[in-house]
């Protein structure tokens, strides 16, 4: 999800990578600060792994690990 502490309205990301800025715009417009999963980005940006890592490394996007209830199982 987008980082709550980052000023998404007044400050465009200080990222030099054009694809990362484009991905940021998609995330901001489609999901805002709601949590989303990476597979939802496939529709808008099929090759999003690098740009997403760039946004995460710059603390613009927060990453959350998958939740698990029992070791090896995912929770719904």
Protein backbone atom coordinates (compact mmCIF):
# COMPACT_ATOMS: atom_id res chain seq x y z
CA UNK A 1 0.00 0.00 0.00
CA UNK A 2 1.07 3.60 -0.36
CA UNK A 3 2.94 4.95 2.64
CA UNK A 4 0.61 7.14 4.76
CA UNK A 5 3.50 9.40 5.80
CA UNK A 6 4.37 10.36 2.22
CA UNK A 7 2.60 13.45 0.80
CA UNK A 8 0.99 11.84 -2.26
CA UNK A 9 -1.04 14.90 -3.21
CA UNK A 10 1.62 17.61 -3.28
CA UNK A 11 4.84 15.66 -3.82
CA UNK A 12 5.48 13.51 -6.86
CA UNK A 13 7.93 10.73 -6.08
CA UNK A 14 11.62 11.63 -6.26
CA UNK A 15 12.34 8.59 -8.39
CA UNK A 16 14.36 8.87 -11.59
CA UNK A 17 13.01 5.67 -13.14
CA UNK A 18 10.19 6.53 -15.57
CA UNK A 19 8.50 3.13 -15.17
CA UNK A 20 8.50 3.51 -11.37
CA UNK A 21 6.81 6.91 -11.68
CA UNK A 22 4.21 5.44 -14.06
CA UNK A 23 3.56 2.55 -11.67
CA UNK A 24 3.23 5.02 -8.80
CA UNK A 25 0.56 6.89 -10.75
CA UNK A 26 -1.37 3.67 -11.37
CA UNK A 27 -1.19 2.67 -7.70
CA UNK A 28 -2.19 6.16 -6.52
CA UNK A 29 -5.12 6.42 -8.94
CA UNK A 30 -6.47 2.87 -8.65
CA UNK A 31 -5.78 1.91 -5.03
CA UNK A 32 -4.76 5.06 -3.15
CA UNK A 33 -3.80 4.03 0.39
CA UNK A 34 -5.83 0.80 0.36
CA UNK A 35 -3.89 -2.44 0.55
CA UNK A 36 -3.55 -4.34 -2.73
CA UNK A 37 -1.77 -7.44 -3.94
CA UNK A 38 0.94 -7.53 -6.55
CA UNK A 39 -1.03 -9.65 -9.02
CA UNK A 40 -3.56 -6.81 -9.39
CA UNK A 41 -0.84 -4.75 -11.05
CA UNK A 42 -0.43 -7.24 -13.94
CA UNK A 43 -3.31 -5.61 -15.83
CA UNK A 44 -1.69 -2.16 -15.74
CA UNK A 45 2.02 -2.99 -15.76
CA UNK A 46 3.02 -6.56 -16.70
CA UNK A 47 6.72 -5.97 -15.88
CA UNK A 48 6.31 -4.25 -12.53
CA UNK A 49 8.80 -6.09 -10.28
CA UNK A 50 11.71 -3.66 -10.75
CA UNK A 51 9.65 -0.46 -10.54
CA UNK A 52 7.79 -1.78 -7.50
CA UNK A 53 11.07 -2.57 -5.74
CA UNK A 54 12.27 0.94 -6.55
CA UNK A 55 9.14 2.46 -4.97
CA UNK A 56 9.49 0.19 -1.93
CA UNK A 57 13.19 1.02 -1.50
CA UNK A 58 12.31 4.75 -1.54
CA UNK A 59 9.63 4.24 1.15
CA UNK A 60 6.83 5.42 -1.13
CA UNK A 61 5.14 2.00 -1.07
CA UNK A 62 5.05 -0.23 2.00
CA UNK A 63 5.43 -3.95 1.49
CA UNK A 64 3.57 -6.45 3.61
CA UNK A 65 4.37 -10.17 3.72
CA UNK A 66 1.58 -12.70 3.10
CA UNK A 67 -0.35 -13.63 6.22
CA UNK A 68 -0.24 -17.22 7.40
CA UNK A 69 -2.27 -18.97 10.06
CA UNK A 70 -0.64 -22.39 10.19
CA UNK A 71 2.93 -22.89 9.00
CA UNK A 72 2.84 -23.34 5.22
CA UNK A 73 -0.81 -22.23 4.88
CA UNK A 74 -2.19 -18.85 3.91
CA UNK A 75 -5.07 -17.18 5.70
CA UNK A 76 -8.12 -15.81 3.89
